[in-house]
Amino acid sequence: FEEVNQPRQKKNSNKILFLASNPTNTGKLQLEKEFVRISGSLQEGDTNYILVAEWAVTPGDMQKAILKHKPDIIHFSGHGKSDKFPDGGIILEDSEGNAKIVPGKALSNLFRLFSGKDQIKTVILNACYSQEQATSISQHVPYVI
């Protein structure tokens, strides 16, 4: 009976990096609400996830955050722009807080830097029009959603 009262051990520690971007000149997103829901869901499971967030992400911040946190999973939440236009991609922020489009090729180059031994296992893109970026990232990351 003593074993029944023991707390259940969590297994498989993974770090998730939540990258959020909602530039001032784009539509308002509920990024904080999304983060809280993800955090709550992770706490209910039997797998140990460490969830860290970086807000108002610029292209430079994105690379620094990956280097700093060394995540297994990256969850990007923000806006995207259609690939039908020459400047399609995910939308981060510039130094003034305005939209800065990052195309698939740039993301592919970024994730190529992090492929290898300490490879990022999964990238989740919660943004409109992110299919081209997902395809580009999938050249260097096993799972892209």
C-alpha atoms as a PDB file:
ATOM      1  CA  PHE A   1       0.000   0.000   0.000  1.00  0.00           C
ATOM      2  CA  GLU A   2       2.880   2.359   0.562  1.00  0.00           C
ATOM      3  CA  GLU A   3       3.771   2.374  -3.132  1.00  0.00           C
ATOM      4  CA  VAL A   4       0.255   3.516  -4.060  1.00  0.00           C
ATOM      5  CA  ASN A   5       0.721   6.703  -2.063  1.00  0.00           C
ATOM      6  CA  GLN A   6       4.030   7.535  -3.713  1.00  0.00           C
ATOM      7  CA  PRO A   7       3.879  10.411  -6.222  1.00  0.00           C
ATOM      8  CA  ARG A   8       3.958   9.229  -9.814  1.00  0.00           C
ATOM      9  CA  GLN A   9       7.388   9.769 -11.350  1.00  0.00           C
ATOM     10  CA  LYS A  10       7.525  11.925 -14.443  1.00  0.00           C
ATOM     11  CA  LYS A  11       9.736  10.770 -17.281  1.00  0.00           C
ATOM     12  CA  ASN A  12      11.389  12.092 -20.429  1.00  0.00           C
ATOM     13  CA  SER A  13      12.411  15.661 -19.650  1.00  0.00           C
ATOM     14  CA  ASN A  14      12.063  17.860 -22.732  1.00  0.00           C
ATOM     15  CA  LYS A  15      12.463  21.608 -23.064  1.00  0.00           C
ATOM     16  CA  ILE A  16       9.925  23.543 -25.110  1.00  0.00           C
ATOM     17  CA  LEU A  17      10.784  27.037 -26.270  1.00  0.00           C
ATOM     18  CA  PHE A  18       7.659  29.125 -26.888  1.00  0.00           C
ATOM     19  CA  LEU A  19       8.532  31.962 -29.274  1.00  0.00           C
ATOM     20  CA  ALA A  20       5.878  34.662 -29.547  1.00  0.00           C
ATOM     21  CA  SER A  21       5.629  37.583 -31.922  1.00  0.00           C
ATOM     22  CA  ASN A  22       2.762  40.041 -32.359  1.00  0.00           C
ATOM     23  CA  PRO A  23       4.155  43.237 -33.903  1.00  0.00           C
ATOM     24  CA  THR A  24       2.315  46.472 -33.183  1.00  0.00           C
ATOM     25  CA  ASN A  25       1.301  46.893 -36.842  1.00  0.00           C
ATOM     26  CA  THR A  26      -0.410  43.465 -37.059  1.00  0.00           C
ATOM     27  CA  GLY A  27      -3.704  42.090 -35.745  1.00  0.00           C
ATOM     28  CA  LYS A  28      -3.885  41.379 -32.015  1.00  0.00           C
ATOM     29  CA  LEU A  29      -3.290  37.741 -31.058  1.00  0.00           C
ATOM     30  CA  GLN A  30      -3.951  36.102 -27.678  1.00  0.00           C
ATOM     31  CA  LEU A  31      -0.430  34.743 -27.255  1.00  0.00           C
ATOM     32  CA  GLU A  32      -0.463  34.846 -23.454  1.00  0.00           C
ATOM     33  CA  LYS A  33      -3.672  32.803 -23.397  1.00  0.00           C
ATOM     34  CA  GLU A  34      -2.103  30.232 -25.752  1.00  0.00           C
ATOM     35  CA  PHE A  35       0.975  29.994 -23.530  1.00  0.00           C
ATOM     36  CA  VAL A  36      -1.131  29.493 -20.383  1.00  0.00           C
ATOM     37  CA  ARG A  37      -3.168  26.746 -22.059  1.00  0.00           C
ATOM     38  CA  ILE A  38      -0.050  24.911 -23.210  1.00  0.00           C
ATOM     39  CA  SER A  39       1.506  25.231 -19.767  1.00  0.00           C
ATOM     40  CA  GLY A  40      -1.631  23.914 -18.077  1.00  0.00           C
ATOM     41  CA  SER A  41      -1.901  20.957 -20.437  1.00  0.00           C
ATOM     42  CA  LEU A  42       1.731  20.015 -19.865  1.00  0.00           C
ATOM     43  CA  GLN A  43       1.275  20.035 -16.097  1.00  0.00           C
ATOM     44  CA  GLU A  44      -1.569  17.522 -16.396  1.00  0.00           C
ATOM     45  CA  GLY A  45       0.537  14.937 -18.267  1.00  0.00           C
ATOM     46  CA  ASP A  46       2.958  12.338 -16.943  1.00  0.00           C
ATOM     47  CA  THR A  47       5.869  13.582 -19.024  1.00  0.00           C
ATOM     48  CA  ASN A  48       8.201  16.225 -17.641  1.00  0.00           C
ATOM     49  CA  TYR A  49       8.331  19.261 -19.908  1.00  0.00           C
ATOM     50  CA  ILE A  50      10.140  22.466 -19.168  1.00  0.00           C
ATOM     51  CA  LEU A  51       8.337  25.343 -20.893  1.00  0.00           C
ATOM     52  CA  VAL A  52      10.139  28.641 -21.400  1.00  0.00           C
ATOM     53  CA  ALA A  53       8.930  31.664 -23.350  1.00  0.00           C
ATOM     54  CA  GLU A  54      10.478  34.500 -25.273  1.00  0.00           C
ATOM     55  CA  TRP A  55       8.145  37.376 -26.196  1.00  0.00           C
ATOM     56  CA  ALA A  56       8.276  40.049 -28.927  1.00  0.00           C
ATOM     57  CA  VAL A  57      10.848  37.984 -30.812  1.00  0.00           C
ATOM     58  CA  THR A  58      13.105  39.571 -33.421  1.00  0.00           C
ATOM     59  CA  PRO A  59      15.150  37.483 -35.889  1.00  0.00           C
ATOM     60  CA  GLY A  60      18.251  37.971 -33.724  1.00  0.00           C
ATOM     61  CA  ASP A  61      16.328  37.109 -30.566  1.00  0.00           C
ATOM     62  CA  MET A  62      15.182  33.853 -32.138  1.00  0.00           C
ATOM     63  CA  GLN A  63      18.722  32.617 -32.678  1.00  0.00           C
ATOM     64  CA  LYS A  64      19.855  33.830 -29.233  1.00  0.00           C
ATOM     65  CA  ALA A  65      16.899  32.103 -27.545  1.00  0.00           C
ATOM     66  CA  ILE A  66      17.698  28.791 -29.240  1.00  0.00           C
ATOM     67  CA  LEU A  67      21.336  29.065 -28.158  1.00  0.00           C
ATOM     68  CA  LYS A  68      20.370  30.067 -24.613  1.00  0.00           C
ATOM     69  CA  HIS A  69      17.640  27.498 -23.947  1.00  0.00           C
ATOM     70  CA  LYS A  70      18.821  24.570 -26.124  1.00  0.00           C
ATOM     71  CA  PRO A  71      15.234  23.360 -26.679  1.00  0.00           C
ATOM     72  CA  ASP A  72      14.072  19.970 -27.899  1.00  0.00           C
ATOM     73  CA  ILE A  73      10.875  21.530 -29.228  1.00  0.00           C
ATOM     74  CA  ILE A  74      10.171  25.013 -30.572  1.00  0.00           C
ATOM     75  CA  HIS A  75       6.633  26.360 -30.655  1.00  0.00           C
ATOM     76  CA  PHE A  76       6.319  29.564 -32.698  1.00  0.00           C
ATOM     77  CA  SER A  77       3.110  31.515 -32.304  1.00  0.00           C
ATOM     78  CA  GLY A  78       2.439  34.603 -34.354  1.00  0.00           C
ATOM     79  CA  HIS A  79       1.488  35.828 -37.801  1.00  0.00           C
ATOM     80  CA  GLY A  80       2.477  34.600 -41.233  1.00  0.00           C
ATOM     81  CA  LYS A  81       2.220  36.076 -44.697  1.00  0.00           C
ATOM     82  CA  SER A  82       1.231  34.193 -47.801  1.00  0.00           C
ATOM     83  CA  ASP A  83       3.966  32.568 -49.845  1.00  0.00           C
ATOM     84  CA  LYS A  84       2.182  33.808 -52.977  1.00  0.00           C
ATOM     85  CA  PHE A  85       3.892  37.147 -52.396  1.00  0.00           C
ATOM     86  CA  PRO A  86       7.651  37.612 -52.842  1.00  0.00           C
ATOM     87  CA  ASP A  87       7.994  38.437 -49.163  1.00  0.00           C
ATOM     88  CA  GLY A  88       5.997  35.569 -47.620  1.00  0.00           C
ATOM     89  CA  GLY A  89       7.109  34.020 -44.348  1.00  0.00           C
ATOM     90  CA  ILE A  90       6.583  34.100 -40.605  1.00  0.00           C
ATOM     91  CA  ILE A  91       6.381  37.543 -39.046  1.00  0.00           C
ATOM     92  CA  LEU A  92       8.730  38.485 -36.247  1.00  0.00           C
ATOM     93  CA  GLU A  93       9.448  41.975 -34.946  1.00  0.00           C
ATOM     94  CA  ASP A  94      12.061  44.537 -35.874  1.00  0.00           C
ATOM     95  CA  SER A  95      13.826  46.729 -33.308  1.00  0.00           C
ATOM     96  CA  GLU A  96      10.896  49.174 -33.362  1.00  0.00           C
ATOM     97  CA  GLY A  97       8.255  46.489 -32.738  1.00  0.00           C
ATOM     98  CA  ASN A  98       6.987  46.461 -36.330  1.00  0.00           C
ATOM     99  CA  ALA A  99       6.543  43.446 -38.587  1.00  0.00           C
ATOM    100  CA  LYS A 100       9.681  41.818 -39.996  1.00  0.00           C
ATOM    101  CA  ILE A 101       9.041  38.965 -42.426  1.00  0.00           C
ATOM    102  CA  VAL A 102      11.355  35.956 -42.185  1.00  0.00           C
ATOM    103  CA  PRO A 103      11.127  33.752 -45.304  1.00  0.00           C
ATOM    104  CA  GLY A 104      11.470  29.971 -45.387  1.00  0.00           C
ATOM    105  CA  LYS A 105      15.013  30.112 -46.767  1.00  0.00           C
ATOM    106  CA  ALA A 106      16.209  32.169 -43.797  1.00  0.00           C
ATOM    107  CA  LEU A 107      14.521  29.750 -41.376  1.00  0.00           C
ATOM    108  CA  SER A 108      16.119  26.811 -43.171  1.00  0.00           C
ATOM    109  CA  ASN A 109      19.541  28.443 -42.772  1.00  0.00           C
ATOM    110  CA  LEU A 110      18.874  29.072 -39.077  1.00  0.00           C
ATOM    111  CA  PHE A 111      17.773  25.521 -38.308  1.00  0.00           C
ATOM    112  CA  ARG A 112      20.670  24.083 -40.305  1.00  0.00           C
ATOM    113  CA  LEU A 113      22.942  25.672 -37.683  1.00  0.00           C
ATOM    114  CA  PHE A 114      21.196  23.653 -34.972  1.00  0.00           C
ATOM    115  CA  SER A 115      21.030  20.294 -36.713  1.00  0.00           C
ATOM    116  CA  GLY A 116      23.315  17.553 -35.453  1.00  0.00           C
ATOM    117  CA  LYS A 117      24.048  16.138 -32.037  1.00  0.00           C
ATOM    118  CA  ASP A 118      21.824  18.434 -29.963  1.00  0.00           C
ATOM    119  CA  GLN A 119      19.223  18.550 -32.663  1.00  0.00           C
ATOM    120  CA  ILE A 120      15.864  20.220 -32.236  1.00  0.00           C
ATOM    121  CA  LYS A 121      13.339  17.387 -32.532  1.00  0.00           C
ATOM    122  CA  THR A 122      10.148  19.275 -33.361  1.00  0.00           C
ATOM    123  CA  VAL A 123       9.063  22.705 -34.563  1.00  0.00           C
ATOM    124  CA  ILE A 124       5.453  23.831 -34.313  1.00  0.00           C
ATOM    125  CA  LEU A 125       4.427  26.812 -36.423  1.00  0.00           C
ATOM    126  CA  ASN A 126       1.171  28.342 -35.222  1.00  0.00           C
ATOM    127  CA  ALA A 127       0.918  30.977 -37.941  1.00  0.00           C
ATOM    128  CA  CYS A 128      -1.096  31.433 -41.110  1.00  0.00           C
ATOM    129  CA  TYR A 129       0.570  30.608 -44.419  1.00  0.00           C
ATOM    130  CA  SER A 130       3.432  28.669 -42.834  1.00  0.00           C
ATOM    131  CA  GLN A 131       3.548  25.672 -45.189  1.00  0.00           C
ATOM    132  CA  GLU A 132       6.598  26.883 -47.134  1.00  0.00           C
ATOM    133  CA  GLN A 133       8.435  27.673 -43.901  1.00  0.00           C
ATOM    134  CA  ALA A 134       7.562  24.226 -42.520  1.00  0.00           C
ATOM    135  CA  THR A 135       8.904  22.595 -45.676  1.00  0.00           C
ATOM    136  CA  SER A 136      12.134  24.598 -45.414  1.00  0.00           C
ATOM    137  CA  ILE A 137      12.635  23.810 -41.725  1.00  0.00           C
ATOM    138  CA  SER A 138      11.898  20.094 -42.264  1.00  0.00           C
ATOM    139  CA  GLN A 139      15.181  19.792 -44.176  1.00  0.00           C
ATOM    140  CA  HIS A 140      16.935  20.087 -40.784  1.00  0.00           C
ATOM    141  CA  VAL A 141      14.342  19.141 -38.146  1.00  0.00           C
ATOM    142  CA  PRO A 142      12.687  15.678 -38.053  1.00  0.00           C
ATOM    143  CA  TYR A 143       9.158  16.870 -37.218  1.00  0.00           C
ATOM    144  CA  VAL A 144       7.550  20.145 -38.274  1.00  0.00           C
ATOM    145  CA  ILE A 145       3.898  20.859 -37.632  1.00  0.00           C
END
